[in-house]
PDB file of N, CA and C in Angstrom:
ATOM      1  N   UNK A   1     100.724 113.307 107.342  1.00  0.00           N
ATOM      2  CA  UNK A   1      99.474 113.088 106.665  1.00  0.00           C
ATOM      3  C   UNK A   1      99.501 111.703 106.042  1.00  0.00           C
ATOM      4  N   UNK A   2      98.358 111.063 106.021  1.00  0.00           N
ATOM      5  CA  UNK A   2      98.223 109.781 105.353  1.00  0.00           C
ATOM      6  C   UNK A   2      97.534 109.975 104.014  1.00  0.00           C
ATOM      7  N   UNK A   3      98.048 109.325 102.987  1.00  0.00           N
ATOM      8  CA  UNK A   3      97.509 109.449 101.633  1.00  0.00           C
ATOM      9  C   UNK A   3      97.240 108.052 101.090  1.00  0.00           C
ATOM     10  N   UNK A   4      96.163 107.897 100.344  1.00  0.00           N
ATOM     11  CA  UNK A   4      95.875 106.628  99.693  1.00  0.00           C
ATOM     12  C   UNK A   4      95.505 106.862  98.237  1.00  0.00           C
ATOM     13  N   UNK A   5      95.808 105.883  97.419  1.00  0.00           N
ATOM     14  CA  UNK A   5      95.402 105.853  96.017  1.00  0.00           C
ATOM     15  C   UNK A   5      94.514 104.633  95.885  1.00  0.00           C
ATOM     16  N   UNK A   6      93.271 104.841  95.456  1.00  0.00           N
ATOM     17  CA  UNK A   6      92.347 103.711  95.385  1.00  0.00           C
ATOM     18  C   UNK A   6      91.846 103.478  93.973  1.00  0.00           C
ATOM     19  N   UNK A   7      91.455 102.250  93.730  1.00  0.00           N
ATOM     20  CA  UNK A   7      90.891 101.835  92.463  1.00  0.00           C
ATOM     21  C   UNK A   7      89.503 102.461  92.312  1.00  0.00           C
ATOM     22  N   UNK A   8      89.233 103.104  91.178  1.00  0.00           N
ATOM     23  CA  UNK A   8      87.942 103.755  90.964  1.00  0.00           C
ATOM     24  C   UNK A   8      86.794 102.765  90.877  1.00  0.00           C
ATOM     25  N   UNK A   9      87.035 101.600  90.325  1.00  0.00           N
ATOM     26  CA  UNK A   9      85.963 100.638  90.102  1.00  0.00           C
ATOM     27  C   UNK A   9      85.525  99.948  91.387  1.00  0.00           C
ATOM     28  N   UNK A  10      86.490  99.489  92.192  1.00  0.00           N
ATOM     29  CA  UNK A  10      86.168  98.688  93.368  1.00  0.00           C
ATOM     30  C   UNK A  10      86.420  99.410  94.688  1.00  0.00           C
ATOM     31  N   UNK A  11      87.128 100.512  94.647  1.00  0.00           N
ATOM     32  CA  UNK A  11      87.430 101.253  95.869  1.00  0.00           C
ATOM     33  C   UNK A  11      88.534 100.640  96.707  1.00  0.00           C
ATOM     34  N   UNK A  12      89.274  99.689  96.154  1.00  0.00           N
ATOM     35  CA  UNK A  12      90.367  99.044  96.881  1.00  0.00           C
ATOM     36  C   UNK A  12      91.582  99.960  96.913  1.00  0.00           C
ATOM     37  N   UNK A  13      92.281  99.993  98.024  1.00  0.00           N
ATOM     38  CA  UNK A  13      93.479 100.823  98.141  1.00  0.00           C
ATOM     39  C   UNK A  13      94.605 100.162  97.359  1.00  0.00           C
ATOM     40  N   UNK A  14      95.172 100.911  96.418  1.00  0.00           N
ATOM     41  CA  UNK A  14      96.240 100.401  95.566  1.00  0.00           C
ATOM     42  C   UNK A  14      97.614 100.866  96.032  1.00  0.00           C
ATOM     43  N   UNK A  15      97.665 101.990  96.760  1.00  0.00           N
ATOM     44  CA  UNK A  15      98.936 102.530  97.231  1.00  0.00           C
ATOM     45  C   UNK A  15      98.642 103.415  98.433  1.00  0.00           C
ATOM     46  N   UNK A  16      99.582 103.505  99.358  1.00  0.00           N
ATOM     47  CA  UNK A  16      99.433 104.364 100.527  1.00  0.00           C
ATOM     48  C   UNK A  16     100.798 104.893 100.924  1.00  0.00           C
ATOM     49  N   UNK A  17     100.803 106.097 101.471  1.00  0.00           N
ATOM     50  CA  UNK A  17     102.053 106.661 101.970  1.00  0.00           C
ATOM     51  C   UNK A  17     101.760 107.699 103.043  1.00  0.00           C
ATOM     52  N   UNK A  18     102.758 107.995 103.847  1.00  0.00           N
ATOM     53  CA  UNK A  18     102.651 108.985 104.906  1.00  0.00           C
ATOM     54  C   UNK A  18     103.695 110.060 104.639  1.00  0.00           C
ATOM     55  N   UNK A  19     103.284 111.331 104.786  1.00  0.00           N
ATOM     56  CA  UNK A  19     104.201 112.443 104.556  1.00  0.00           C
ATOM     57  C   UNK A  19     104.090 113.449 105.691  1.00  0.00           C
ATOM     58  N   UNK A  20     105.049 114.336 105.768  1.00  0.00           N
ATOM     59  CA  UNK A  20     105.023 115.452 106.710  1.00  0.00           C
ATOM     60  C   UNK A  20     104.115 116.536 106.143  1.00  0.00           C
ATOM     61  N   UNK A  21     103.164 117.020 106.921  1.00  0.00           N
ATOM     62  CA  UNK A  21     102.247 118.066 106.467  1.00  0.00           C
ATOM     63  C   UNK A  21     103.019 119.379 106.327  1.00  0.00           C
ATOM     64  N   UNK A  22     103.126 119.867 105.085  1.00  0.00           N
ATOM     65  CA  UNK A  22     103.877 121.103 104.857  1.00  0.00           C
ATOM     66  C   UNK A  22     103.216 122.033 103.836  1.00  0.00           C
ATOM     67  N   UNK A  23     102.000 121.734 103.449  1.00  0.00           N
ATOM     68  CA  UNK A  23     101.313 122.561 102.462  1.00  0.00           C
ATOM     69  C   UNK A  23     101.448 122.043 101.044  1.00  0.00           C
ATOM     70  N   UNK A  24     102.425 121.186 100.800  1.00  0.00           N
ATOM     71  CA  UNK A  24     102.649 120.626  99.471  1.00  0.00           C
ATOM     72  C   UNK A  24     102.549 119.104  99.468  1.00  0.00           C
ATOM     73  N   UNK A  25     102.352 118.517 100.634  1.00  0.00           N
ATOM     74  CA  UNK A  25     102.421 117.061 100.789  1.00  0.00           C
ATOM     75  C   UNK A  25     101.424 116.324  99.904  1.00  0.00           C
ATOM     76  N   UNK A  26     100.190 116.804  99.820  1.00  0.00           N
ATOM     77  CA  UNK A  26      99.185 116.101  99.029  1.00  0.00           C
ATOM     78  C   UNK A  26      99.553 116.078  97.550  1.00  0.00           C
ATOM     79  N   UNK A  27      99.995 117.199  97.028  1.00  0.00           N
ATOM     80  CA  UNK A  27     100.373 117.245  95.609  1.00  0.00           C
ATOM     81  C   UNK A  27     101.568 116.356  95.314  1.00  0.00           C
ATOM     82  N   UNK A  28     102.577 116.417  96.174  1.00  0.00           N
ATOM     83  CA  UNK A  28     103.777 115.605  95.960  1.00  0.00           C
ATOM     84  C   UNK A  28     103.464 114.120  96.105  1.00  0.00           C
ATOM     85  N   UNK A  29     102.652 113.757  97.081  1.00  0.00           N
ATOM     86  CA  UNK A  29     102.275 112.353  97.265  1.00  0.00           C
ATOM     87  C   UNK A  29     101.487 111.856  96.059  1.00  0.00           C
ATOM     88  N   UNK A  30     100.594 112.681  95.545  1.00  0.00           N
ATOM     89  CA  UNK A  30      99.800 112.294  94.373  1.00  0.00           C
ATOM     90  C   UNK A  30     100.711 112.027  93.177  1.00  0.00           C
ATOM     91  N   UNK A  31     101.688 112.883  92.949  1.00  0.00           N
ATOM     92  CA  UNK A  31     102.600 112.681  91.818  1.00  0.00           C
ATOM     93  C   UNK A  31     103.370 111.374  91.947  1.00  0.00           C
ATOM     94  N   UNK A  32     103.839 111.078  93.147  1.00  0.00           N
ATOM     95  CA  UNK A  32     104.605 109.843  93.382  1.00  0.00           C
ATOM     96  C   UNK A  32     103.728 108.616  93.166  1.00  0.00           C
ATOM     97  N   UNK A  33     102.517 108.636  93.729  1.00  0.00           N
ATOM     98  CA  UNK A  33     101.644 107.470  93.636  1.00  0.00           C
ATOM     99  C   UNK A  33     101.109 107.269  92.222  1.00  0.00           C
ATOM    100  N   UNK A  34     100.850 108.350  91.489  1.00  0.00           N
ATOM    101  CA  UNK A  34     100.402 108.224  90.098  1.00  0.00           C
ATOM    102  C   UNK A  34     101.512 107.655  89.236  1.00  0.00           C
ATOM    103  N   UNK A  35     102.736 108.112  89.445  1.00  0.00           N
ATOM    104  CA  UNK A  35     103.878 107.574  88.689  1.00  0.00           C
ATOM    105  C   UNK A  35     104.054 106.087  88.973  1.00  0.00           C
ATOM    106  N   UNK A  36     103.883 105.676  90.225  1.00  0.00           N
ATOM    107  CA  UNK A  36     103.992 104.255  90.580  1.00  0.00           C
ATOM    108  C   UNK A  36     102.901 103.440  89.893  1.00  0.00           C
ATOM    109  N   UNK A  37     101.690 103.993  89.797  1.00  0.00           N
ATOM    110  CA  UNK A  37     100.588 103.287  89.130  1.00  0.00           C
ATOM    111  C   UNK A  37     100.880 103.134  87.643  1.00  0.00           C
ATOM    112  N   UNK A  38     101.458 104.158  87.036  1.00  0.00           N
ATOM    113  CA  UNK A  38     101.811 104.076  85.613  1.00  0.00           C
ATOM    114  C   UNK A  38     102.883 103.023  85.378  1.00  0.00           C
ATOM    115  N   UNK A  39     103.866 102.960  86.252  1.00  0.00           N
ATOM    116  CA  UNK A  39     104.933 101.967  86.123  1.00  0.00           C
ATOM    117  C   UNK A  39     104.398 100.556  86.356  1.00  0.00           C
ATOM    118  N   UNK A  40     103.450 100.410  87.255  1.00  0.00           N
ATOM    119  CA  UNK A  40     102.880  99.094  87.541  1.00  0.00           C
ATOM    120  C   UNK A  40     102.065  98.565  86.369  1.00  0.00           C
ATOM    121  N   UNK A  41     101.468  99.462  85.582  1.00  0.00           N
ATOM    122  CA  UNK A  41     100.685  99.040  84.419  1.00  0.00           C
ATOM    123  C   UNK A  41     101.583  98.353  83.397  1.00  0.00           C
ATOM    124  N   UNK A  42     102.811  98.806  83.257  1.00  0.00           N
ATOM    125  CA  UNK A  42     103.836  98.203  82.405  1.00  0.00           C
ATOM    126  C   UNK A  42     103.482  98.152  80.923  1.00  0.00           C
ATOM    127  N   UNK A  43     102.214  98.169  80.580  1.00  0.00           N
ATOM    128  CA  UNK A  43     101.785  98.126  79.189  1.00  0.00           C
ATOM    129  C   UNK A  43     101.371  99.536  78.774  1.00  0.00           C
ATOM    130  N   UNK A  44     102.094 100.122  77.839  1.00  0.00           N
ATOM    131  CA  UNK A  44     101.836 101.502  77.438  1.00  0.00           C
ATOM    132  C   UNK A  44     100.498 101.688  76.737  1.00  0.00           C
ATOM    133  N   UNK A  45      99.856 100.592  76.321  1.00  0.00           N
ATOM    134  CA  UNK A  45      98.569 100.714  75.649  1.00  0.00           C
ATOM    135  C   UNK A  45      97.397 100.798  76.634  1.00  0.00           C
ATOM    136  N   UNK A  46      97.664 100.549  77.918  1.00  0.00           N
ATOM    137  CA  UNK A  46      96.634 100.629  78.945  1.00  0.00           C
ATOM    138  C   UNK A  46      96.435 102.082  79.342  1.00  0.00           C
ATOM    139  N   UNK A  47      95.196 102.537  79.353  1.00  0.00           N
ATOM    140  CA  UNK A  47      94.873 103.890  79.792  1.00  0.00           C
ATOM    141  C   UNK A  47      94.646 103.891  81.290  1.00  0.00           C
ATOM    142  N   UNK A  48      95.229 104.869  81.959  1.00  0.00           N
ATOM    143  CA  UNK A  48      95.026 105.057  83.392  1.00  0.00           C
ATOM    144  C   UNK A  48      94.236 106.334  83.557  1.00  0.00           C
ATOM    145  N   UNK A  49      93.116 106.245  84.284  1.00  0.00           N
ATOM    146  CA  UNK A  49      92.297 107.435  84.529  1.00  0.00           C
ATOM    147  C   UNK A  49      92.526 107.901  85.966  1.00  0.00           C
ATOM    148  N   UNK A  50      92.241 109.166  86.198  1.00  0.00           N
ATOM    149  CA  UNK A  50      92.474 109.751  87.506  1.00  0.00           C
ATOM    150  C   UNK A  50      91.223 110.492  87.954  1.00  0.00           C
ATOM    151  N   UNK A  51      90.842 110.272  89.187  1.00  0.00           N
ATOM    152  CA  UNK A  51      89.758 111.019  89.806  1.00  0.00           C
ATOM    153  C   UNK A  51      90.263 111.557  91.136  1.00  0.00           C
ATOM    154  N   UNK A  52      89.761 112.677  91.570  1.00  0.00           N
ATOM    155  CA  UNK A  52      90.221 113.272  92.826  1.00  0.00           C
ATOM    156  C   UNK A  52      89.043 113.867  93.568  1.00  0.00           C
ATOM    157  N   UNK A  53      89.233 114.029  94.875  1.00  0.00           N
ATOM    158  CA  UNK A  53      88.217 114.748  95.638  1.00  0.00           C
ATOM    159  C   UNK A  53      88.886 115.946  96.318  1.00  0.00           C
ATOM    160  N   UNK A  54      88.096 116.905  96.609  1.00  0.00           N
ATOM    161  CA  UNK A  54      88.629 118.132  97.190  1.00  0.00           C
ATOM    162  C   UNK A  54      88.527 118.109  98.705  1.00  0.00           C
ATOM    163  N   UNK A  55      88.058 117.016  99.242  1.00  0.00           N
ATOM    164  CA  UNK A  55      87.854 116.919 100.683  1.00  0.00           C
ATOM    165  C   UNK A  55      89.102 116.615 101.400  1.00  0.00           C
TER     166      UNK A  55
END
C-alpha cells in the first residue's frame, strides 16, 4: 500500500511510504509519519494538527 502525509493548507505531500497490506498498515504508517512530522517541527511550541479521511 502507498501512504502519503500532506500539508493541510497547500495539499503538498510532506511524507510518503509503502507498506505491506496486512490490515494494520494504514494505522502503523500514520503513526510513523506523524511522529516524523513532530520531530521535523523541532520547536515544541509549534502546534501540529491532524486531519484524516476515511476513503
